[in-house]
C-alpha atoms as a PDB file:
ATOM      1  CA  UNK A   1       0.000   0.000   0.000  1.00  0.00           C
ATOM      2  CA  UNK A   2       2.943   2.339   0.579  1.00  0.00           C
ATOM      3  CA  UNK A   3       3.571   2.630  -3.176  1.00  0.00           C
ATOM      4  CA  UNK A   4      -0.081   3.498  -3.822  1.00  0.00           C
ATOM      5  CA  UNK A   5      -0.112   6.157  -1.113  1.00  0.00           C
ATOM      6  CA  UNK A   6       3.091   7.695  -2.468  1.00  0.00           C
ATOM      7  CA  UNK A   7       1.305   7.973  -5.815  1.00  0.00           C
ATOM      8  CA  UNK A   8      -1.532   9.794  -4.042  1.00  0.00           C
ATOM      9  CA  UNK A   9       0.942  12.157  -2.366  1.00  0.00           C
ATOM     10  CA  UNK A  10       2.426  13.066  -5.736  1.00  0.00           C
ATOM     11  CA  UNK A  11      -1.106  13.626  -7.044  1.00  0.00           C
ATOM     12  CA  UNK A  12      -1.916  16.134  -4.296  1.00  0.00           C
ATOM     13  CA  UNK A  13       1.415  17.925  -4.717  1.00  0.00           C
ATOM     14  CA  UNK A  14       3.143  17.329  -1.380  1.00  0.00           C
ATOM     15  CA  UNK A  15       5.995  19.836  -1.025  1.00  0.00           C
ATOM     16  CA  UNK A  16       9.058  20.791   0.991  1.00  0.00           C
ATOM     17  CA  UNK A  17       8.274  22.679   4.158  1.00  0.00           C
ATOM     18  CA  UNK A  18       4.790  21.223   4.659  1.00  0.00           C
ATOM     19  CA  UNK A  19       3.285  19.848   7.875  1.00  0.00           C
ATOM     20  CA  UNK A  20       1.989  16.256   7.594  1.00  0.00           C
ATOM     21  CA  UNK A  21       0.049  14.019   9.980  1.00  0.00           C
ATOM     22  CA  UNK A  22       0.738  10.305   9.369  1.00  0.00           C
ATOM     23  CA  UNK A  23      -1.938   8.143  11.054  1.00  0.00           C
ATOM     24  CA  UNK A  24      -1.313   4.418  11.421  1.00  0.00           C
ATOM     25  CA  UNK A  25       2.415   4.868  10.827  1.00  0.00           C
ATOM     26  CA  UNK A  26       3.239   1.279  11.833  1.00  0.00           C
ATOM     27  CA  UNK A  27       6.784   0.368  10.804  1.00  0.00           C
ATOM     28  CA  UNK A  28       7.535   3.885   9.595  1.00  0.00           C
ATOM     29  CA  UNK A  29       8.192   3.027   5.945  1.00  0.00           C
ATOM     30  CA  UNK A  30       5.825   5.702   4.651  1.00  0.00           C
ATOM     31  CA  UNK A  31       6.843   8.077   7.452  1.00  0.00           C
ATOM     32  CA  UNK A  32      10.422   8.040   6.170  1.00  0.00           C
ATOM     33  CA  UNK A  33       9.194   8.878   2.652  1.00  0.00           C
ATOM     34  CA  UNK A  34       7.126  11.733   4.064  1.00  0.00           C
ATOM     35  CA  UNK A  35      10.163  13.146   5.863  1.00  0.00           C
ATOM     36  CA  UNK A  36      12.068  13.211   2.580  1.00  0.00           C
ATOM     37  CA  UNK A  37       9.135  14.879   0.818  1.00  0.00           C
ATOM     38  CA  UNK A  38       8.827  17.734   3.350  1.00  0.00           C
ATOM     39  CA  UNK A  39      12.561  18.174   3.907  1.00  0.00           C
ATOM     40  CA  UNK A  40      14.401  19.823   6.802  1.00  0.00           C
ATOM     41  CA  UNK A  41      11.965  22.735   7.038  1.00  0.00           C
ATOM     42  CA  UNK A  42       8.883  20.502   7.168  1.00  0.00           C
ATOM     43  CA  UNK A  43       7.398  18.331   9.905  1.00  0.00           C
ATOM     44  CA  UNK A  44       5.874  14.851  10.028  1.00  0.00           C
ATOM     45  CA  UNK A  45       3.772  13.803  13.022  1.00  0.00           C
ATOM     46  CA  UNK A  46       3.604   9.982  13.095  1.00  0.00           C
ATOM     47  CA  UNK A  47       0.779   8.377  15.086  1.00  0.00           C
ATOM     48  CA  UNK A  48       0.407   4.668  15.860  1.00  0.00           C
ATOM     49  CA  UNK A  49      -0.908   2.369  18.556  1.00  0.00           C
ATOM     50  CA  UNK A  50       2.524   0.687  18.525  1.00  0.00           C
ATOM     51  CA  UNK A  51       5.454   3.084  18.148  1.00  0.00           C
ATOM     52  CA  UNK A  52       8.289   0.630  18.841  1.00  0.00           C
ATOM     53  CA  UNK A  53       9.530   0.791  15.236  1.00  0.00           C
ATOM     54  CA  UNK A  54       9.148   4.566  14.885  1.00  0.00           C
ATOM     55  CA  UNK A  55      12.124   6.805  15.583  1.00  0.00           C
ATOM     56  CA  UNK A  56      11.767  10.559  16.186  1.00  0.00           C
ATOM     57  CA  UNK A  57      14.143  12.843  14.283  1.00  0.00           C
ATOM     58  CA  UNK A  58      14.504  16.576  13.730  1.00  0.00           C
ATOM     59  CA  UNK A  59      11.657  16.220  11.187  1.00  0.00           C
ATOM     60  CA  UNK A  60       9.586  13.349  12.644  1.00  0.00           C
ATOM     61  CA  UNK A  61       7.600  13.588  15.895  1.00  0.00           C
ATOM     62  CA  UNK A  62       6.152  10.308  17.232  1.00  0.00           C
ATOM     63  CA  UNK A  63       2.939   9.911  19.244  1.00  0.00           C
ATOM     64  CA  UNK A  64       1.438   6.728  20.657  1.00  0.00           C
ATOM     65  CA  UNK A  65      -2.332   7.039  20.176  1.00  0.00           C
ATOM     66  CA  UNK A  66      -5.329   4.733  19.952  1.00  0.00           C
ATOM     67  CA  UNK A  67      -7.476   6.746  17.571  1.00  0.00           C
ATOM     68  CA  UNK A  68     -10.602   4.924  18.726  1.00  0.00           C
ATOM     69  CA  UNK A  69     -10.312   6.729  22.059  1.00  0.00           C
ATOM     70  CA  UNK A  70      -7.480   9.285  21.950  1.00  0.00           C
ATOM     71  CA  UNK A  71      -7.538  12.692  20.234  1.00  0.00           C
ATOM     72  CA  UNK A  72      -5.171  13.203  17.325  1.00  0.00           C
ATOM     73  CA  UNK A  73      -2.231  15.558  17.998  1.00  0.00           C
ATOM     74  CA  UNK A  74      -2.373  19.121  16.684  1.00  0.00           C
ATOM     75  CA  UNK A  75      -4.512  22.228  16.681  1.00  0.00           C
ATOM     76  CA  UNK A  76      -7.245  22.956  14.113  1.00  0.00           C
ATOM     77  CA  UNK A  77      -5.783  24.013  10.783  1.00  0.00           C
ATOM     78  CA  UNK A  78      -2.306  22.591  11.552  1.00  0.00           C
ATOM     79  CA  UNK A  79      -1.563  20.247   8.654  1.00  0.00           C
ATOM     80  CA  UNK A  80      -1.144  20.583   4.899  1.00  0.00           C
ATOM     81  CA  UNK A  81      -1.683  16.827   4.450  1.00  0.00           C
ATOM     82  CA  UNK A  82      -3.341  14.220   6.682  1.00  0.00           C
ATOM     83  CA  UNK A  83      -2.702  10.658   5.574  1.00  0.00           C
ATOM     84  CA  UNK A  84      -4.154   7.485   7.103  1.00  0.00           C
ATOM     85  CA  UNK A  85      -4.333   3.843   6.117  1.00  0.00           C
ATOM     86  CA  UNK A  86      -6.159   0.708   7.233  1.00  0.00           C
ATOM     87  CA  UNK A  87      -8.250   2.632   9.749  1.00  0.00           C
ATOM     88  CA  UNK A  88     -11.096   0.156   9.469  1.00  0.00           C
ATOM     89  CA  UNK A  89      -8.870  -2.527  10.933  1.00  0.00           C
ATOM     90  CA  UNK A  90      -9.086  -0.393  14.093  1.00  0.00           C
ATOM     91  CA  UNK A  91     -12.837   0.332  13.646  1.00  0.00           C
ATOM     92  CA  UNK A  92     -11.857   3.972  13.358  1.00  0.00           C
ATOM     93  CA  UNK A  93     -13.868   5.116  10.330  1.00  0.00           C
ATOM     94  CA  UNK A  94     -16.437   6.825  12.509  1.00  0.00           C
ATOM     95  CA  UNK A  95     -17.810  10.288  11.822  1.00  0.00           C
ATOM     96  CA  UNK A  96     -15.901  11.811  14.744  1.00  0.00           C
ATOM     97  CA  UNK A  97     -12.576  10.396  13.472  1.00  0.00           C
ATOM     98  CA  UNK A  98     -13.140  11.728   9.964  1.00  0.00           C
ATOM     99  CA  UNK A  99     -14.228  15.063  11.418  1.00  0.00           C
ATOM    100  CA  UNK A 100     -11.057  15.259  13.536  1.00  0.00           C
ATOM    101  CA  UNK A 101      -8.842  14.721  10.499  1.00  0.00           C
ATOM    102  CA  UNK A 102     -10.671  17.346   8.471  1.00  0.00           C
ATOM    103  CA  UNK A 103     -10.569  19.837  11.355  1.00  0.00           C
ATOM    104  CA  UNK A 104      -6.789  19.403  11.641  1.00  0.00           C
ATOM    105  CA  UNK A 105      -6.299  20.225   7.949  1.00  0.00           C
ATOM    106  CA  UNK A 106      -5.476  23.728   6.814  1.00  0.00           C
ATOM    107  CA  UNK A 107      -7.938  25.239   4.319  1.00  0.00           C
ATOM    108  CA  UNK A 108      -6.811  23.849   0.970  1.00  0.00           C
ATOM    109  CA  UNK A 109      -5.130  20.878   2.677  1.00  0.00           C
ATOM    110  CA  UNK A 110      -5.426  17.305   1.466  1.00  0.00           C
ATOM    111  CA  UNK A 111      -6.776  14.169   3.125  1.00  0.00           C
ATOM    112  CA  UNK A 112      -5.310  10.902   1.776  1.00  0.00           C
ATOM    113  CA  UNK A 113      -6.775   7.523   2.788  1.00  0.00           C
ATOM    114  CA  UNK A 114      -5.839   3.937   1.964  1.00  0.00           C
ATOM    115  CA  UNK A 115      -7.787   0.791   2.835  1.00  0.00           C
ATOM    116  CA  UNK A 116      -7.996  -2.893   2.119  1.00  0.00           C
ATOM    117  CA  UNK A 117     -11.296  -3.587   0.402  1.00  0.00           C
ATOM    118  CA  UNK A 118     -13.234  -6.803   0.033  1.00  0.00           C
ATOM    119  CA  UNK A 119     -13.316  -8.987  -3.075  1.00  0.00           C
ATOM    120  CA  UNK A 120     -13.232 -12.776  -3.315  1.00  0.00           C
ATOM    121  CA  UNK A 121      -9.822 -14.334  -3.895  1.00  0.00           C
ATOM    122  CA  UNK A 122      -9.004 -15.320  -7.487  1.00  0.00           C
ATOM    123  CA  UNK A 123      -6.444 -17.980  -8.439  1.00  0.00           C
ATOM    124  CA  UNK A 124      -5.238 -17.626 -12.015  1.00  0.00           C
ATOM    125  CA  UNK A 125      -2.939 -20.669 -11.983  1.00  0.00           C
ATOM    126  CA  UNK A 126      -2.853 -23.285  -9.256  1.00  0.00           C
ATOM    127  CA  UNK A 127      -0.115 -25.635  -8.061  1.00  0.00           C
ATOM    128  CA  UNK A 128      -0.424 -29.266  -9.084  1.00  0.00           C
ATOM    129  CA  UNK A 129      -2.161 -30.448  -5.934  1.00  0.00           C
ATOM    130  CA  UNK A 130      -5.641 -31.738  -5.245  1.00  0.00           C
ATOM    131  CA  UNK A 131      -8.220 -28.970  -4.726  1.00  0.00           C
ATOM    132  CA  UNK A 132      -5.410 -26.414  -4.436  1.00  0.00           C
ATOM    133  CA  UNK A 133      -7.357 -23.538  -5.977  1.00  0.00           C
ATOM    134  CA  UNK A 134     -10.435 -24.094  -3.806  1.00  0.00           C
ATOM    135  CA  UNK A 135      -8.370 -24.299  -0.629  1.00  0.00           C
ATOM    136  CA  UNK A 136      -6.376 -21.168  -1.440  1.00  0.00           C
ATOM    137  CA  UNK A 137      -9.599 -19.278  -2.173  1.00  0.00           C
ATOM    138  CA  UNK A 138     -11.205 -20.323   1.111  1.00  0.00           C
ATOM    139  CA  UNK A 139      -8.223 -19.480   3.318  1.00  0.00           C
ATOM    140  CA  UNK A 140      -7.316 -16.242   1.550  1.00  0.00           C
ATOM    141  CA  UNK A 141     -10.944 -15.089   1.902  1.00  0.00           C
ATOM    142  CA  UNK A 142     -10.874 -15.995   5.601  1.00  0.00           C
ATOM    143  CA  UNK A 143      -7.644 -14.025   6.152  1.00  0.00           C
ATOM    144  CA  UNK A 144      -9.043 -10.965   4.391  1.00  0.00           C
ATOM    145  CA  UNK A 145     -12.306 -11.177   6.333  1.00  0.00           C
ATOM    146  CA  UNK A 146     -10.353 -11.359   9.599  1.00  0.00           C
ATOM    147  CA  UNK A 147      -8.174  -8.388   8.612  1.00  0.00           C
ATOM    148  CA  UNK A 148     -11.119  -6.239   7.626  1.00  0.00           C
ATOM    149  CA  UNK A 149     -13.562  -7.297  10.339  1.00  0.00           C
ATOM    150  CA  UNK A 150     -15.910  -4.489   9.331  1.00  0.00           C
ATOM    151  CA  UNK A 151     -18.892  -4.669   6.986  1.00  0.00           C
ATOM    152  CA  UNK A 152     -18.409  -1.037   5.908  1.00  0.00           C
ATOM    153  CA  UNK A 153     -15.457  -2.069   3.774  1.00  0.00           C
ATOM    154  CA  UNK A 154     -17.727  -4.073   1.504  1.00  0.00           C
ATOM    155  CA  UNK A 155     -18.655  -0.741  -0.079  1.00  0.00           C
ATOM    156  CA  UNK A 156     -15.699   1.442   0.929  1.00  0.00           C
ATOM    157  CA  UNK A 157     -15.498   3.179  -2.440  1.00  0.00           C
ATOM    158  CA  UNK A 158     -19.159   4.208  -2.124  1.00  0.00           C
ATOM    159  CA  UNK A 159     -19.579   5.350   1.464  1.00  0.00           C
ATOM    160  CA  UNK A 160     -16.176   7.041   1.974  1.00  0.00           C
ATOM    161  CA  UNK A 161     -16.694   9.719  -0.729  1.00  0.00           C
ATOM    162  CA  UNK A 162     -20.288  10.255   0.428  1.00  0.00           C
ATOM    163  CA  UNK A 163     -19.065  10.823   3.997  1.00  0.00           C
ATOM    164  CA  UNK A 164     -16.432  13.321   2.866  1.00  0.00           C
ATOM    165  CA  UNK A 165     -18.944  15.180   0.713  1.00  0.00           C
ATOM    166  CA  UNK A 166     -21.161  15.612   3.761  1.00  0.00           C
ATOM    167  CA  UNK A 167     -18.231  17.316   5.467  1.00  0.00           C
ATOM    168  CA  UNK A 168     -17.796  19.682   2.542  1.00  0.00           C
ATOM    169  CA  UNK A 169     -14.646  18.136   1.069  1.00  0.00           C
ATOM    170  CA  UNK A 170     -13.980  18.653  -2.633  1.00  0.00           C
ATOM    171  CA  UNK A 171     -11.942  17.188  -5.519  1.00  0.00           C
ATOM    172  CA  UNK A 172     -12.602  13.662  -4.216  1.00  0.00           C
ATOM    173  CA  UNK A 173     -10.863  10.919  -6.224  1.00  0.00           C
ATOM    174  CA  UNK A 174     -11.042   7.178  -5.485  1.00  0.00           C
ATOM    175  CA  UNK A 175      -8.792   4.508  -7.008  1.00  0.00           C
ATOM    176  CA  UNK A 176      -9.074   0.718  -6.768  1.00  0.00           C
ATOM    177  CA  UNK A 177      -5.993  -1.428  -7.248  1.00  0.00           C
ATOM    178  CA  UNK A 178      -5.082  -5.115  -7.473  1.00  0.00           C
ATOM    179  CA  UNK A 179      -2.031  -6.918  -8.824  1.00  0.00           C
ATOM    180  CA  UNK A 180      -0.854 -10.483  -9.384  1.00  0.00           C
ATOM    181  CA  UNK A 181       0.974 -12.408  -6.690  1.00  0.00           C
ATOM    182  CA  UNK A 182       3.246 -15.366  -7.467  1.00  0.00           C
ATOM    183  CA  UNK A 183       3.799 -18.194  -4.992  1.00  0.00           C
ATOM    184  CA  UNK A 184       6.792 -17.542  -2.769  1.00  0.00           C
ATOM    185  CA  UNK A 185       6.963 -13.862  -3.740  1.00  0.00           C
ATOM    186  CA  UNK A 186       6.550 -10.781  -1.535  1.00  0.00           C
ATOM    187  CA  UNK A 187       2.763 -10.700  -1.912  1.00  0.00           C
ATOM    188  CA  UNK A 188       2.134 -14.299  -0.911  1.00  0.00           C
ATOM    189  CA  UNK A 189       4.716 -13.934   1.875  1.00  0.00           C
ATOM    190  CA  UNK A 190       2.651 -10.998   3.147  1.00  0.00           C
ATOM    191  CA  UNK A 191      -0.454 -13.200   2.989  1.00  0.00           C
ATOM    192  CA  UNK A 192       1.300 -16.070   4.783  1.00  0.00           C
ATOM    193  CA  UNK A 193       2.560 -13.772   7.547  1.00  0.00           C
ATOM    194  CA  UNK A 194      -0.981 -12.569   8.207  1.00  0.00           C
ATOM    195  CA  UNK A 195      -2.332 -16.118   8.126  1.00  0.00           C
ATOM    196  CA  UNK A 196       0.192 -17.125  10.802  1.00  0.00           C
ATOM    197  CA  UNK A 197      -0.538 -14.054  12.906  1.00  0.00           C
ATOM    198  CA  UNK A 198      -4.279 -14.731  12.681  1.00  0.00           C
ATOM    199  CA  UNK A 199      -3.888 -18.468  13.323  1.00  0.00           C
ATOM    200  CA  UNK A 200      -6.113 -18.577  16.417  1.00  0.00           C
ATOM    201  CA  UNK A 201      -8.715 -16.218  14.927  1.00  0.00           C
ATOM    202  CA  UNK A 202      -8.989 -18.352  11.787  1.00  0.00           C
ATOM    203  CA  UNK A 203      -9.380 -21.566  13.766  1.00  0.00           C
ATOM    204  CA  UNK A 204     -12.028 -19.966  15.981  1.00  0.00           C
ATOM    205  CA  UNK A 205     -13.884 -18.958  12.803  1.00  0.00           C
ATOM    206  CA  UNK A 206     -14.076 -22.649  11.829  1.00  0.00           C
ATOM    207  CA  UNK A 207     -11.078 -23.086   9.511  1.00  0.00           C
ATOM    208  CA  UNK A 208      -9.561 -26.560  10.026  1.00  0.00           C
ATOM    209  CA  UNK A 209      -5.938 -26.467  11.222  1.00  0.00           C
ATOM    210  CA  UNK A 210      -4.891 -28.945   8.499  1.00  0.00           C
ATOM    211  CA  UNK A 211      -6.299 -26.620   5.809  1.00  0.00           C
ATOM    212  CA  UNK A 212      -4.359 -23.681   7.202  1.00  0.00           C
ATOM    213  CA  UNK A 213      -1.097 -25.634   7.285  1.00  0.00           C
ATOM    214  CA  UNK A 214      -1.619 -26.940   3.745  1.00  0.00           C
ATOM    215  CA  UNK A 215      -2.424 -23.418   2.567  1.00  0.00           C
ATOM    216  CA  UNK A 216       0.900 -22.152   3.954  1.00  0.00           C
ATOM    217  CA  UNK A 217       2.682 -24.807   1.890  1.00  0.00           C
ATOM    218  CA  UNK A 218       0.715 -24.124  -1.305  1.00  0.00           C
ATOM    219  CA  UNK A 219       1.362 -20.381  -1.427  1.00  0.00           C
ATOM    220  CA  UNK A 220       5.119 -20.948  -1.474  1.00  0.00           C
ATOM    221  CA  UNK A 221       4.765 -22.910  -4.741  1.00  0.00           C
ATOM    222  CA  UNK A 222       6.109 -20.838  -7.643  1.00  0.00           C
ATOM    223  CA  UNK A 223       3.419 -22.328  -9.913  1.00  0.00           C
ATOM    224  CA  UNK A 224       0.784 -20.293  -8.064  1.00  0.00           C
ATOM    225  CA  UNK A 225      -0.459 -17.036  -9.590  1.00  0.00           C
ATOM    226  CA  UNK A 226      -3.305 -15.252  -7.807  1.00  0.00           C
ATOM    227  CA  UNK A 227      -4.881 -11.836  -7.435  1.00  0.00           C
ATOM    228  CA  UNK A 228      -3.660  -9.689  -4.581  1.00  0.00           C
ATOM    229  CA  UNK A 229      -5.856  -8.310  -1.854  1.00  0.00           C
ATOM    230  CA  UNK A 230      -7.632  -5.332  -3.440  1.00  0.00           C
ATOM    231  CA  UNK A 231      -6.858  -1.903  -2.024  1.00  0.00           C
ATOM    232  CA  UNK A 232      -8.597   1.416  -2.350  1.00  0.00           C
ATOM    233  CA  UNK A 233      -6.990   4.847  -2.083  1.00  0.00           C
ATOM    234  CA  UNK A 234      -8.661   8.224  -1.931  1.00  0.00           C
ATOM    235  CA  UNK A 235      -7.680  11.868  -1.814  1.00  0.00           C
ATOM    236  CA  UNK A 236      -9.876  14.894  -1.120  1.00  0.00           C
ATOM    237  CA  UNK A 237      -9.238  18.591  -0.499  1.00  0.00           C
ATOM    238  CA  UNK A 238     -10.570  20.818   2.249  1.00  0.00           C
ATOM    239  CA  UNK A 239     -12.070  23.972   0.712  1.00  0.00           C
ATOM    240  CA  UNK A 240      -9.932  27.104   0.918  1.00  0.00           C
END
C-alpha cells in the first residue's frame, strides 16, 4: 500500500516545508518517505498504537495514540496533508474520526486515505495439488475477512466519498488497485505472515488447522499465480 499512497501524495502535490500528519504509521516506511518529501523545514507527526519501530528525528515527531479513544495531535488548521491507512482494521472510520482529520487540515489541505477492500480471492494458476485452488480461495478469503472485520469495507469506495462530501470536502478521487501475486513472492509472503498471525482467529472462525497448514505450503509454490488483496486509495481537499 505504501507505493499506492506515495502515488496519491504526488497527485496532491506534497511539497518541501509542509506539515503532515501520518496516522497508522506502523513500521515507519511511509513516514520516512514523508520526511524526505517535506525536507528539513517541514514536519511529520507519526501516530500509531505501537510506536516501537518509529524513531523521532529533527523532522519526525512520534505519538502513541489509539485513535478509537485518543484525540489526534495538533490544533485545528495545523496540517497541509493528513494521511491514514487501514483505519477500518481499528474500527476507526467513525464520523468523529473523519471530522477530527478534516478539522486538523489547513484550508486547501489534502486528506489521503488507503484501505484494504473486500473482493473474493481469485487464483489464475494453481499448483499441481488436489483442490489447491479451492483451498487457497477459502483461506485467503478468511484471512481478508479477519483483517477487515468491518462490513463497511464491503462498499468502501461508495460510502467514503459520500461521507467526505457531507463534510464539505472537494476534488474527491477514489482509485481501486489489485495486482498479481506469485507463490513464494513478496505478496504471498505478506499473505502467509498474516495467516500465521491470525492463526487462532482463523481456527475460531471454523477453519480446520490442516487446511491452514496446507495453505501455507501451497502459497510458497512458484506455480501459483493469484490476485492480490484489493486496495482502495482516496484523496480529497478541504475547501480554501
